[in-house]
């Protein structure tokens, strides 16, 4: 089943994001290579694809896991957590309807 991992950043998270980004992306790439990643990306802090110094307000990952517990465990191991980027992470089951 798919699960949505919805994360909210702390204020001024951009420097911490940039430092932890390679390890964060590496984990997402592994999900992609396993055919389990539906979508992943950050939420720009302002209404533009490239927010520059404004940074990001959070992230969304939708990926396939064996269970809610497995998805939560994966989310809890995100390098952004260790780096202090995220202040809140919610994991929910997700049903793909479209496209």
Protein backbone atom coordinates (compact mmCIF):
# COMPACT_ATOMS: atom_id res chain seq x y z
CA UNK A 1 0.00 0.00 0.00
CA UNK A 2 1.04 3.59 -0.52
CA UNK A 3 1.64 5.99 2.37
CA UNK A 4 1.88 9.79 2.39
CA UNK A 5 4.68 11.18 4.52
CA UNK A 6 3.86 14.84 5.17
CA UNK A 7 6.60 16.81 6.89
CA UNK A 8 6.73 20.37 8.20
CA UNK A 9 10.00 22.27 8.50
CA UNK A 10 11.26 24.32 11.41
CA UNK A 11 11.79 28.03 10.74
CA UNK A 12 14.91 28.87 8.70
CA UNK A 13 15.52 25.23 7.78
CA UNK A 14 17.30 25.90 4.47
CA UNK A 15 20.93 25.62 5.71
CA UNK A 16 20.13 22.36 7.53
CA UNK A 17 18.26 21.06 4.49
CA UNK A 18 21.16 21.74 2.19
CA UNK A 19 23.61 19.95 4.47
CA UNK A 20 21.45 16.83 4.86
CA UNK A 21 20.03 16.82 1.32
CA UNK A 22 22.45 14.32 -0.30
CA UNK A 23 21.63 11.62 2.27
CA UNK A 24 17.91 12.46 2.08
CA UNK A 25 17.87 12.19 -1.74
CA UNK A 26 19.90 8.96 -1.64
CA UNK A 27 17.11 7.28 0.37
CA UNK A 28 14.48 8.54 -2.07
CA UNK A 29 16.54 7.30 -4.99
CA UNK A 30 16.63 3.83 -3.40
CA UNK A 31 12.82 3.82 -3.18
CA UNK A 32 12.64 4.89 -6.83
CA UNK A 33 15.01 2.15 -7.95
CA UNK A 34 12.88 -0.39 -6.05
CA UNK A 35 9.79 0.87 -7.92
CA UNK A 36 8.15 2.03 -4.67
CA UNK A 37 8.24 5.83 -5.04
CA UNK A 38 5.17 7.54 -6.46
CA UNK A 39 6.19 11.17 -5.85
CA UNK A 40 8.49 13.19 -3.62
CA UNK A 41 9.37 16.84 -3.25
CA UNK A 42 9.51 19.91 -1.05
CA UNK A 43 6.89 22.60 -0.46
CA UNK A 44 8.38 25.99 -1.42
CA UNK A 45 7.91 28.55 1.36
CA UNK A 46 6.68 31.08 -1.22
CA UNK A 47 4.57 30.69 -4.35
CA UNK A 48 7.32 29.90 -6.84
CA UNK A 49 9.15 26.75 -7.97
CA UNK A 50 12.49 28.27 -6.93
CA UNK A 51 12.03 29.99 -3.56
CA UNK A 52 15.70 30.95 -3.20
CA UNK A 53 16.58 32.07 0.32
CA UNK A 54 12.93 31.72 1.42
CA UNK A 55 13.53 27.98 1.40
CA UNK A 56 10.89 25.36 2.01
CA UNK A 57 8.08 24.81 4.50
CA UNK A 58 8.04 21.02 4.37
CA UNK A 59 8.02 17.96 2.15
CA UNK A 60 5.75 15.28 0.72
CA UNK A 61 6.75 11.70 -0.03
CA UNK A 62 4.26 9.15 -1.33
CA UNK A 63 5.74 5.67 -1.46
CA UNK A 64 4.83 2.03 -1.13
CA UNK A 65 5.54 0.20 2.14
CA UNK A 66 4.42 -3.13 3.61
CA UNK A 67 2.61 -1.44 6.50
CA UNK A 68 1.96 1.82 8.28
CA UNK A 69 4.59 0.81 10.82
CA UNK A 70 7.18 0.27 8.05
CA UNK A 71 6.36 3.67 6.53
CA UNK A 72 6.62 5.34 9.94
CA UNK A 73 9.95 3.65 10.62
CA UNK A 74 11.29 4.81 7.24
CA UNK A 75 10.08 8.36 7.92
CA UNK A 76 11.60 8.36 11.41
CA UNK A 77 15.00 7.49 9.88
CA UNK A 78 15.04 10.43 7.46
CA UNK A 79 18.33 12.39 7.58
CA UNK A 80 16.26 15.59 7.76
CA UNK A 81 14.99 14.44 11.18
CA UNK A 82 18.52 13.97 12.51
CA UNK A 83 19.56 17.31 11.03
CA UNK A 84 16.67 19.12 12.76
CA UNK A 85 14.91 20.15 9.53
CA UNK A 86 11.50 18.73 10.40
CA UNK A 87 9.40 19.85 13.35
CA UNK A 88 6.50 17.51 12.53
CA UNK A 89 6.02 14.38 10.42
CA UNK A 90 2.67 12.70 9.76
CA UNK A 91 2.37 9.34 8.00
CA UNK A 92 -1.00 8.34 6.55
CA UNK A 93 -2.24 5.57 4.27
CA UNK A 94 -2.74 6.85 0.72
CA UNK A 95 -5.00 5.48 -2.00
CA UNK A 96 -4.04 6.31 -5.59
CA UNK A 97 -7.15 7.22 -7.58
CA UNK A 98 -5.87 9.34 -10.50
CA UNK A 99 -4.20 9.35 -12.91
